[in-house]
Amino acid sequence: METFQNQIIGYGGFVEWPPRSPDFTPLDFFLWGHIKEQVHATPPPTLQDLQRRITDACASVTPAMLHNVQREIQSRMQICIVANGEHFEQYK
């Protein structure tokens, strides 16, 4: 587990999420990917610039994007329930 200014970074936090957990994947790959693309389009020259970029990137997330993420999580949960918690390859 890594920390930055007493904050946990990564998957080793207080709640252990299994890697590629179907309930976390849309957040991990879509939403976090969107934020990272905006923040790291070019290397931030200062810590203040990094903080501003993170704030701006989070503010750029639209209600429609959040709705799509929520819908995707619900869909994956339903498939996980149908699969009785077993591994599944295709979910659509």
PDB file of N, CA and C in Angstrom:
ATOM      1  N   MET A   1       0.857  -1.168   0.000  1.00  0.00           N
ATOM      2  CA  MET A   1       0.000   0.000   0.000  1.00  0.00           C
ATOM      3  C   MET A   1       0.903   1.231   0.000  1.00  0.00           C
ATOM      4  N   GLU A   2       0.567   2.195  -0.840  1.00  0.00           N
ATOM      5  CA  GLU A   2       1.311   3.435  -0.900  1.00  0.00           C
ATOM      6  C   GLU A   2       0.481   4.553  -0.277  1.00  0.00           C
ATOM      7  N   THR A   3       1.173   5.568   0.207  1.00  0.00           N
ATOM      8  CA  THR A   3       0.466   6.725   0.730  1.00  0.00           C
ATOM      9  C   THR A   3       1.072   7.991   0.145  1.00  0.00           C
ATOM     10  N   PHE A   4       0.278   9.026   0.089  1.00  0.00           N
ATOM     11  CA  PHE A   4       0.716  10.350  -0.333  1.00  0.00           C
ATOM     12  C   PHE A   4       0.038  11.337   0.589  1.00  0.00           C
ATOM     13  N   GLN A   5       0.814  12.044   1.368  1.00  0.00           N
ATOM     14  CA  GLN A   5       0.293  12.986   2.352  1.00  0.00           C
ATOM     15  C   GLN A   5      -0.794  12.340   3.217  1.00  0.00           C
ATOM     16  N   ASN A   6      -0.472  11.170   3.765  1.00  0.00           N
ATOM     17  CA  ASN A   6      -1.343  10.412   4.661  1.00  0.00           C
ATOM     18  C   ASN A   6      -2.634   9.915   4.014  1.00  0.00           C
ATOM     19  N   GLN A   7      -2.686   9.866   2.685  1.00  0.00           N
ATOM     20  CA  GLN A   7      -3.843   9.329   1.975  1.00  0.00           C
ATOM     21  C   GLN A   7      -3.433   8.021   1.312  1.00  0.00           C
ATOM     22  N   ILE A   8      -4.325   7.051   1.288  1.00  0.00           N
ATOM     23  CA  ILE A   8      -4.035   5.752   0.699  1.00  0.00           C
ATOM     24  C   ILE A   8      -4.163   5.851  -0.814  1.00  0.00           C
ATOM     25  N   ILE A   9      -3.195   5.268  -1.508  1.00  0.00           N
ATOM     26  CA  ILE A   9      -3.206   5.216  -2.959  1.00  0.00           C
ATOM     27  C   ILE A   9      -3.194   3.750  -3.365  1.00  0.00           C
ATOM     28  N   GLY A  10      -4.106   3.341  -4.217  1.00  0.00           N
ATOM     29  CA  GLY A  10      -4.090   1.981  -4.751  1.00  0.00           C
ATOM     30  C   GLY A  10      -5.210   1.126  -4.199  1.00  0.00           C
ATOM     31  N   TYR A  11      -5.068  -0.178  -4.439  1.00  0.00           N
ATOM     32  CA  TYR A  11      -6.102  -1.136  -4.083  1.00  0.00           C
ATOM     33  C   TYR A  11      -5.992  -1.651  -2.657  1.00  0.00           C
ATOM     34  N   GLY A  12      -4.930  -1.333  -1.952  1.00  0.00           N
ATOM     35  CA  GLY A  12      -4.726  -1.893  -0.623  1.00  0.00           C
ATOM     36  C   GLY A  12      -5.333  -1.050   0.477  1.00  0.00           C
ATOM     37  N   GLY A  13      -6.487  -0.475   0.239  1.00  0.00           N
ATOM     38  CA  GLY A  13      -7.105   0.424   1.198  1.00  0.00           C
ATOM     39  C   GLY A  13      -7.834  -0.313   2.299  1.00  0.00           C
ATOM     40  N   PHE A  14      -8.717   0.398   2.960  1.00  0.00           N
ATOM     41  CA  PHE A  14      -9.450  -0.177   4.085  1.00  0.00           C
ATOM     42  C   PHE A  14     -10.445  -1.242   3.639  1.00  0.00           C
ATOM     43  N   VAL A  15     -10.967  -1.119   2.421  1.00  0.00           N
ATOM     44  CA  VAL A  15     -11.856  -2.134   1.868  1.00  0.00           C
ATOM     45  C   VAL A  15     -11.082  -2.859   0.789  1.00  0.00           C
ATOM     46  N   GLU A  16     -10.887  -4.149   0.955  1.00  0.00           N
ATOM     47  CA  GLU A  16     -10.147  -4.932  -0.018  1.00  0.00           C
ATOM     48  C   GLU A  16     -11.060  -5.292  -1.179  1.00  0.00           C
ATOM     49  N   TRP A  17     -10.827  -4.678  -2.335  1.00  0.00           N
ATOM     50  CA  TRP A  17     -11.569  -5.004  -3.554  1.00  0.00           C
ATOM     51  C   TRP A  17     -10.763  -6.030  -4.324  1.00  0.00           C
ATOM     52  N   PRO A  18     -11.360  -7.144  -4.713  1.00  0.00           N
ATOM     53  CA  PRO A  18     -10.605  -8.108  -5.511  1.00  0.00           C
ATOM     54  C   PRO A  18     -10.233  -7.494  -6.856  1.00  0.00           C
ATOM     55  N   PRO A  19      -9.084  -7.864  -7.413  1.00  0.00           N
ATOM     56  CA  PRO A  19      -8.712  -7.310  -8.710  1.00  0.00           C
ATOM     57  C   PRO A  19      -9.774  -7.632  -9.755  1.00  0.00           C
ATOM     58  N   ARG A  20     -10.105  -6.646 -10.553  1.00  0.00           N
ATOM     59  CA  ARG A  20     -11.091  -6.772 -11.638  1.00  0.00           C
ATOM     60  C   ARG A  20     -12.463  -7.185 -11.121  1.00  0.00           C
ATOM     61  N   SER A  21     -12.768  -6.755  -9.928  1.00  0.00           N
ATOM     62  CA  SER A  21     -14.081  -7.019  -9.363  1.00  0.00           C
ATOM     63  C   SER A  21     -15.142  -6.418 -10.280  1.00  0.00           C
ATOM     64  N   PRO A  22     -16.195  -7.156 -10.629  1.00  0.00           N
ATOM     65  CA  PRO A  22     -17.196  -6.623 -11.558  1.00  0.00           C
ATOM     66  C   PRO A  22     -17.922  -5.402 -11.017  1.00  0.00           C
ATOM     67  N   ASP A  23     -17.934  -5.213  -9.712  1.00  0.00           N
ATOM     68  CA  ASP A  23     -18.621  -4.045  -9.176  1.00  0.00           C
ATOM     69  C   ASP A  23     -17.742  -2.806  -9.163  1.00  0.00           C
ATOM     70  N   PHE A  24     -16.434  -2.948  -9.409  1.00  0.00           N
ATOM     71  CA  PHE A  24     -15.527  -1.815  -9.372  1.00  0.00           C
ATOM     72  C   PHE A  24     -15.004  -1.438 -10.755  1.00  0.00           C
ATOM     73  N   THR A  25     -15.072  -2.348 -11.704  1.00  0.00           N
ATOM     74  CA  THR A  25     -14.464  -2.151 -13.010  1.00  0.00           C
ATOM     75  C   THR A  25     -14.917  -0.888 -13.731  1.00  0.00           C
ATOM     76  N   PRO A  26     -16.207  -0.548 -13.809  1.00  0.00           N
ATOM     77  CA  PRO A  26     -16.575   0.686 -14.531  1.00  0.00           C
ATOM     78  C   PRO A  26     -15.953   1.938 -13.919  1.00  0.00           C
ATOM     79  N   LEU A  27     -15.856   1.968 -12.605  1.00  0.00           N
ATOM     80  CA  LEU A  27     -15.223   3.115 -11.966  1.00  0.00           C
ATOM     81  C   LEU A  27     -13.733   3.127 -12.251  1.00  0.00           C
ATOM     82  N   ASP A  28     -13.129   1.963 -12.144  1.00  0.00           N
ATOM     83  CA  ASP A  28     -11.688   1.850 -12.309  1.00  0.00           C
ATOM     84  C   ASP A  28     -11.260   2.161 -13.737  1.00  0.00           C
ATOM     85  N   PHE A  29     -11.929   1.600 -14.708  1.00  0.00           N
ATOM     86  CA  PHE A  29     -11.474   1.737 -16.084  1.00  0.00           C
ATOM     87  C   PHE A  29     -12.069   2.937 -16.789  1.00  0.00           C
ATOM     88  N   PHE A  30     -13.319   3.201 -16.608  1.00  0.00           N
ATOM     89  CA  PHE A  30     -13.925   4.316 -17.330  1.00  0.00           C
ATOM     90  C   PHE A  30     -13.725   5.643 -16.609  1.00  0.00           C
ATOM     91  N   LEU A  31     -14.279   5.751 -15.421  1.00  0.00           N
ATOM     92  CA  LEU A  31     -14.284   7.044 -14.737  1.00  0.00           C
ATOM     93  C   LEU A  31     -12.865   7.471 -14.332  1.00  0.00           C
ATOM     94  N   TRP A  32     -12.120   6.583 -13.708  1.00  0.00           N
ATOM     95  CA  TRP A  32     -10.765   6.925 -13.310  1.00  0.00           C
ATOM     96  C   TRP A  32      -9.901   7.141 -14.549  1.00  0.00           C
ATOM     97  N   GLY A  33     -10.124   6.359 -15.601  1.00  0.00           N
ATOM     98  CA  GLY A  33      -9.382   6.548 -16.846  1.00  0.00           C
ATOM     99  C   GLY A  33      -9.637   7.918 -17.450  1.00  0.00           C
ATOM    100  N   HIS A  34     -10.885   8.358 -17.416  1.00  0.00           N
ATOM    101  CA  HIS A  34     -11.251   9.684 -17.922  1.00  0.00           C
ATOM    102  C   HIS A  34     -10.518  10.772 -17.140  1.00  0.00           C
ATOM    103  N   ILE A  35     -10.522  10.659 -15.829  1.00  0.00           N
ATOM    104  CA  ILE A  35      -9.859  11.650 -14.980  1.00  0.00           C
ATOM    105  C   ILE A  35      -8.346  11.658 -15.268  1.00  0.00           C
ATOM    106  N   LYS A  36      -7.743  10.476 -15.314  1.00  0.00           N
ATOM    107  CA  LYS A  36      -6.302  10.388 -15.543  1.00  0.00           C
ATOM    108  C   LYS A  36      -5.907  10.963 -16.894  1.00  0.00           C
ATOM    109  N   GLU A  37      -6.704  10.710 -17.923  1.00  0.00           N
ATOM    110  CA  GLU A  37      -6.396  11.257 -19.250  1.00  0.00           C
ATOM    111  C   GLU A  37      -6.337  12.778 -19.215  1.00  0.00           C
ATOM    112  N   GLN A  38      -7.272  13.389 -18.513  1.00  0.00           N
ATOM    113  CA  GLN A  38      -7.295  14.838 -18.452  1.00  0.00           C
ATOM    114  C   GLN A  38      -6.163  15.387 -17.585  1.00  0.00           C
ATOM    115  N   VAL A  39      -5.901  14.751 -16.475  1.00  0.00           N
ATOM    116  CA  VAL A  39      -4.882  15.244 -15.550  1.00  0.00           C
ATOM    117  C   VAL A  39      -3.481  15.088 -16.141  1.00  0.00           C
ATOM    118  N   HIS A  40      -3.238  13.967 -16.798  1.00  0.00           N
ATOM    119  CA  HIS A  40      -1.889  13.657 -17.261  1.00  0.00           C
ATOM    120  C   HIS A  40      -1.719  13.826 -18.766  1.00  0.00           C
ATOM    121  N   ALA A  41      -2.519  14.667 -19.406  1.00  0.00           N
ATOM    122  CA  ALA A  41      -2.353  14.915 -20.841  1.00  0.00           C
ATOM    123  C   ALA A  41      -0.938  15.416 -21.123  1.00  0.00           C
ATOM    124  N   THR A  42      -0.433  16.238 -20.249  1.00  0.00           N
ATOM    125  CA  THR A  42       0.967  16.670 -20.251  1.00  0.00           C
ATOM    126  C   THR A  42       1.426  16.648 -18.796  1.00  0.00           C
ATOM    127  N   PRO A  43       2.708  16.470 -18.553  1.00  0.00           N
ATOM    128  CA  PRO A  43       3.167  16.423 -17.160  1.00  0.00           C
ATOM    129  C   PRO A  43       2.893  17.753 -16.443  1.00  0.00           C
ATOM    130  N   PRO A  44       2.234  17.694 -15.291  1.00  0.00           N
ATOM    131  CA  PRO A  44       1.986  18.932 -14.543  1.00  0.00           C
ATOM    132  C   PRO A  44       3.297  19.477 -13.979  1.00  0.00           C
ATOM    133  N   PRO A  45       3.583  20.751 -14.199  1.00  0.00           N
ATOM    134  CA  PRO A  45       4.864  21.300 -13.757  1.00  0.00           C
ATOM    135  C   PRO A  45       4.981  21.513 -12.243  1.00  0.00           C
ATOM    136  N   THR A  46       3.858  21.706 -11.559  1.00  0.00           N
ATOM    137  CA  THR A  46       3.904  21.963 -10.118  1.00  0.00           C
ATOM    138  C   THR A  46       2.818  21.166  -9.412  1.00  0.00           C
ATOM    139  N   LEU A  47       2.956  21.037  -8.111  1.00  0.00           N
ATOM    140  CA  LEU A  47       1.940  20.370  -7.309  1.00  0.00           C
ATOM    141  C   LEU A  47       0.614  21.128  -7.393  1.00  0.00           C
ATOM    142  N   GLN A  48       0.678  22.437  -7.397  1.00  0.00           N
ATOM    143  CA  GLN A  48      -0.542  23.251  -7.491  1.00  0.00           C
ATOM    144  C   GLN A  48      -1.238  23.022  -8.827  1.00  0.00           C
ATOM    145  N   ASP A  49      -0.452  22.887  -9.896  1.00  0.00           N
ATOM    146  CA  ASP A  49      -1.039  22.612 -11.206  1.00  0.00           C
ATOM    147  C   ASP A  49      -1.698  21.234 -11.219  1.00  0.00           C
ATOM    148  N   LEU A  50      -1.048  20.261 -10.600  1.00  0.00           N
ATOM    149  CA  LEU A  50      -1.632  18.922 -10.495  1.00  0.00           C
ATOM    150  C   LEU A  50      -2.948  18.981  -9.742  1.00  0.00           C
ATOM    151  N   GLN A  51      -2.978  19.678  -8.620  1.00  0.00           N
ATOM    152  CA  GLN A  51      -4.213  19.798  -7.832  1.00  0.00           C
ATOM    153  C   GLN A  51      -5.313  20.479  -8.638  1.00  0.00           C
ATOM    154  N   ARG A  52      -4.973  21.531  -9.374  1.00  0.00           N
ATOM    155  CA  ARG A  52      -5.961  22.234 -10.198  1.00  0.00           C
ATOM    156  C   ARG A  52      -6.501  21.317 -11.290  1.00  0.00           C
ATOM    157  N   ARG A  53      -5.604  20.557 -11.912  1.00  0.00           N
ATOM    158  CA  ARG A  53      -6.039  19.638 -12.974  1.00  0.00           C
ATOM    159  C   ARG A  53      -6.974  18.560 -12.433  1.00  0.00           C
ATOM    160  N   ILE A  54      -6.667  18.049 -11.265  1.00  0.00           N
ATOM    161  CA  ILE A  54      -7.536  17.024 -10.662  1.00  0.00           C
ATOM    162  C   ILE A  54      -8.918  17.617 -10.384  1.00  0.00           C
ATOM    163  N   THR A  55      -8.943  18.800  -9.806  1.00  0.00           N
ATOM    164  CA  THR A  55     -10.217  19.473  -9.514  1.00  0.00           C
ATOM    165  C   THR A  55     -10.995  19.724 -10.801  1.00  0.00           C
ATOM    166  N   ASP A  56     -10.322  20.228 -11.827  1.00  0.00           N
ATOM    167  CA  ASP A  56     -10.980  20.506 -13.111  1.00  0.00           C
ATOM    168  C   ASP A  56     -11.486  19.223 -13.765  1.00  0.00           C
ATOM    169  N   ALA A  57     -10.690  18.167 -13.701  1.00  0.00           N
ATOM    170  CA  ALA A  57     -11.091  16.902 -14.313  1.00  0.00           C
ATOM    171  C   ALA A  57     -12.321  16.324 -13.618  1.00  0.00           C
ATOM    172  N   CYS A  58     -12.350  16.409 -12.292  1.00  0.00           N
ATOM    173  CA  CYS A  58     -13.527  15.916 -11.552  1.00  0.00           C
ATOM    174  C   CYS A  58     -14.755  16.752 -11.884  1.00  0.00           C
ATOM    175  N   ALA A  59     -14.559  18.056 -12.026  1.00  0.00           N
ATOM    176  CA  ALA A  59     -15.686  18.937 -12.364  1.00  0.00           C
ATOM    177  C   ALA A  59     -16.200  18.681 -13.775  1.00  0.00           C
ATOM    178  N   SER A  60     -15.354  18.098 -14.634  1.00  0.00           N
ATOM    179  CA  SER A  60     -15.775  17.848 -16.016  1.00  0.00           C
ATOM    180  C   SER A  60     -16.649  16.604 -16.158  1.00  0.00           C
ATOM    181  N   VAL A  61     -16.751  15.810 -15.105  1.00  0.00           N
ATOM    182  CA  VAL A  61     -17.589  14.609 -15.152  1.00  0.00           C
ATOM    183  C   VAL A  61     -19.047  15.055 -15.156  1.00  0.00           C
ATOM    184  N   THR A  62     -19.750  14.677 -16.196  1.00  0.00           N
ATOM    185  CA  THR A  62     -21.130  15.130 -16.365  1.00  0.00           C
ATOM    186  C   THR A  62     -22.108  14.188 -15.652  1.00  0.00           C
ATOM    187  N   PRO A  63     -23.304  14.676 -15.367  1.00  0.00           N
ATOM    188  CA  PRO A  63     -24.323  13.792 -14.802  1.00  0.00           C
ATOM    189  C   PRO A  63     -24.604  12.596 -15.707  1.00  0.00           C
ATOM    190  N   ALA A  64     -24.550  12.794 -17.011  1.00  0.00           N
ATOM    191  CA  ALA A  64     -24.787  11.677 -17.938  1.00  0.00           C
ATOM    192  C   ALA A  64     -23.704  10.613 -17.800  1.00  0.00           C
ATOM    193  N   MET A  65     -22.464  11.041 -17.614  1.00  0.00           N
ATOM    194  CA  MET A  65     -21.377  10.079 -17.418  1.00  0.00           C
ATOM    195  C   MET A  65     -21.599   9.282 -16.143  1.00  0.00           C
ATOM    196  N   LEU A  66     -21.957   9.957 -15.070  1.00  0.00           N
ATOM    197  CA  LEU A  66     -22.213   9.267 -13.797  1.00  0.00           C
ATOM    198  C   LEU A  66     -23.400   8.318 -13.917  1.00  0.00           C
ATOM    199  N   HIS A  67     -24.420   8.729 -14.657  1.00  0.00           N
ATOM    200  CA  HIS A  67     -25.586   7.867 -14.873  1.00  0.00           C
ATOM    201  C   HIS A  67     -25.166   6.589 -15.614  1.00  0.00           C
ATOM    202  N   ASN A  68     -24.330   6.746 -16.650  1.00  0.00           N
ATOM    203  CA  ASN A  68     -23.868   5.581 -17.403  1.00  0.00           C
ATOM    204  C   ASN A  68     -23.039   4.640 -16.536  1.00  0.00           C
ATOM    205  N   VAL A  69     -22.187   5.194 -15.688  1.00  0.00           N
ATOM    206  CA  VAL A  69     -21.387   4.368 -14.779  1.00  0.00           C
ATOM    207  C   VAL A  69     -22.305   3.625 -13.814  1.00  0.00           C
ATOM    208  N   GLN A  70     -23.281   4.333 -13.257  1.00  0.00           N
ATOM    209  CA  GLN A  70     -24.213   3.700 -12.327  1.00  0.00           C
ATOM    210  C   GLN A  70     -24.994   2.580 -13.014  1.00  0.00           C
ATOM    211  N   ARG A  71     -25.457   2.832 -14.226  1.00  0.00           N
ATOM    212  CA  ARG A  71     -26.212   1.818 -14.971  1.00  0.00           C
ATOM    213  C   ARG A  71     -25.334   0.596 -15.249  1.00  0.00           C
ATOM    214  N   GLU A  72     -24.069   0.831 -15.600  1.00  0.00           N
ATOM    215  CA  GLU A  72     -23.151  -0.276 -15.874  1.00  0.00           C
ATOM    216  C   GLU A  72     -22.885  -1.097 -14.615  1.00  0.00           C
ATOM    217  N   ILE A  73     -22.710  -0.439 -13.487  1.00  0.00           N
ATOM    218  CA  ILE A  73     -22.493  -1.165 -12.229  1.00  0.00           C
ATOM    219  C   ILE A  73     -23.718  -2.009 -11.895  1.00  0.00           C
ATOM    220  N   GLN A  74     -24.905  -1.439 -12.050  1.00  0.00           N
ATOM    221  CA  GLN A  74     -26.128  -2.194 -11.768  1.00  0.00           C
ATOM    222  C   GLN A  74     -26.245  -3.403 -12.687  1.00  0.00           C
ATOM    223  N   SER A  75     -25.902  -3.232 -13.944  1.00  0.00           N
ATOM    224  CA  SER A  75     -25.948  -4.339 -14.895  1.00  0.00           C
ATOM    225  C   SER A  75     -24.977  -5.446 -14.487  1.00  0.00           C
ATOM    226  N   ARG A  76     -23.784  -5.068 -14.107  1.00  0.00           N
ATOM    227  CA  ARG A  76     -22.793  -6.064 -13.705  1.00  0.00           C
ATOM    228  C   ARG A  76     -23.200  -6.773 -12.413  1.00  0.00           C
ATOM    229  N   MET A  77     -23.805  -6.039 -11.504  1.00  0.00           N
ATOM    230  CA  MET A  77     -24.272  -6.663 -10.262  1.00  0.00           C
ATOM    231  C   MET A  77     -25.356  -7.699 -10.551  1.00  0.00           C
ATOM    232  N   GLN A  78     -26.271  -7.355 -11.442  1.00  0.00           N
ATOM    233  CA  GLN A  78     -27.334  -8.290 -11.779  1.00  0.00           C
ATOM    234  C   GLN A  78     -26.763  -9.563 -12.405  1.00  0.00           C
ATOM    235  N   ILE A  79     -25.789  -9.416 -13.281  1.00  0.00           N
ATOM    236  CA  ILE A  79     -25.170 -10.586 -13.904  1.00  0.00           C
ATOM    237  C   ILE A  79     -24.412 -11.407 -12.871  1.00  0.00           C
ATOM    238  N   CYS A  80     -23.770 -10.733 -11.929  1.00  0.00           N
ATOM    239  CA  CYS A  80     -23.064 -11.436 -10.854  1.00  0.00           C
ATOM    240  C   CYS A  80     -24.054 -12.229  -9.999  1.00  0.00           C
ATOM    241  N   ILE A  81     -25.218 -11.654  -9.745  1.00  0.00           N
ATOM    242  CA  ILE A  81     -26.255 -12.348  -8.973  1.00  0.00           C
ATOM    243  C   ILE A  81     -26.736 -13.575  -9.736  1.00  0.00           C
ATOM    244  N   VAL A  82     -26.989 -13.401 -11.027  1.00  0.00           N
ATOM    245  CA  VAL A  82     -27.454 -14.521 -11.860  1.00  0.00           C
ATOM    246  C   VAL A  82     -26.388 -15.624 -11.906  1.00  0.00           C
ATOM    247  N   ALA A  83     -25.112 -15.241 -11.947  1.00  0.00           N
ATOM    248  CA  ALA A  83     -24.017 -16.218 -11.993  1.00  0.00           C
ATOM    249  C   ALA A  83     -23.715 -16.780 -10.608  1.00  0.00           C
ATOM    250  N   ASN A  84     -24.494 -16.378  -9.614  1.00  0.00           N
ATOM    251  CA  ASN A  84     -24.331 -16.852  -8.242  1.00  0.00           C
ATOM    252  C   ASN A  84     -22.923 -16.561  -7.713  1.00  0.00           C
ATOM    253  N   GLY A  85     -22.393 -15.408  -8.118  1.00  0.00           N
ATOM    254  CA  GLY A  85     -21.080 -14.997  -7.637  1.00  0.00           C
ATOM    255  C   GLY A  85     -19.917 -15.685  -8.310  1.00  0.00           C
ATOM    256  N   GLU A  86     -20.198 -16.562  -9.262  1.00  0.00           N
ATOM    257  CA  GLU A  86     -19.128 -17.270  -9.961  1.00  0.00           C
ATOM    258  C   GLU A  86     -18.528 -16.361 -11.037  1.00  0.00           C
ATOM    259  N   HIS A  87     -17.361 -16.740 -11.505  1.00  0.00           N
ATOM    260  CA  HIS A  87     -16.680 -15.996 -12.559  1.00  0.00           C
ATOM    261  C   HIS A  87     -17.517 -16.039 -13.841  1.00  0.00           C
ATOM    262  N   PHE A  88     -17.560 -14.925 -14.538  1.00  0.00           N
ATOM    263  CA  PHE A  88     -18.225 -14.890 -15.837  1.00  0.00           C
ATOM    264  C   PHE A  88     -17.396 -14.056 -16.797  1.00  0.00           C
ATOM    265  N   GLU A  89     -17.349 -14.479 -18.054  1.00  0.00           N
ATOM    266  CA  GLU A  89     -16.531 -13.803 -19.064  1.00  0.00           C
ATOM    267  C   GLU A  89     -17.306 -12.670 -19.724  1.00  0.00           C
ATOM    268  N   GLN A  90     -18.407 -12.996 -20.311  1.00  0.00           N
ATOM    269  CA  GLN A  90     -19.206 -12.000 -21.025  1.00  0.00           C
ATOM    270  C   GLN A  90     -20.361 -11.575 -20.146  1.00  0.00           C
ATOM    271  N   TYR A  91     -20.562 -10.299 -20.040  1.00  0.00           N
ATOM    272  CA  TYR A  91     -21.645  -9.842 -19.185  1.00  0.00           C
ATOM    273  C   TYR A  91     -22.766  -9.190 -19.982  1.00  0.00           C
ATOM    274  N   LYS A  92     -22.640  -9.142 -21.301  1.00  0.00           N
ATOM    275  CA  LYS A  92     -23.719  -8.553 -22.111  1.00  0.00           C
ATOM    276  C   LYS A  92     -24.145  -9.488 -23.182  1.00  0.00           C
TER     277      LYS A  92
END
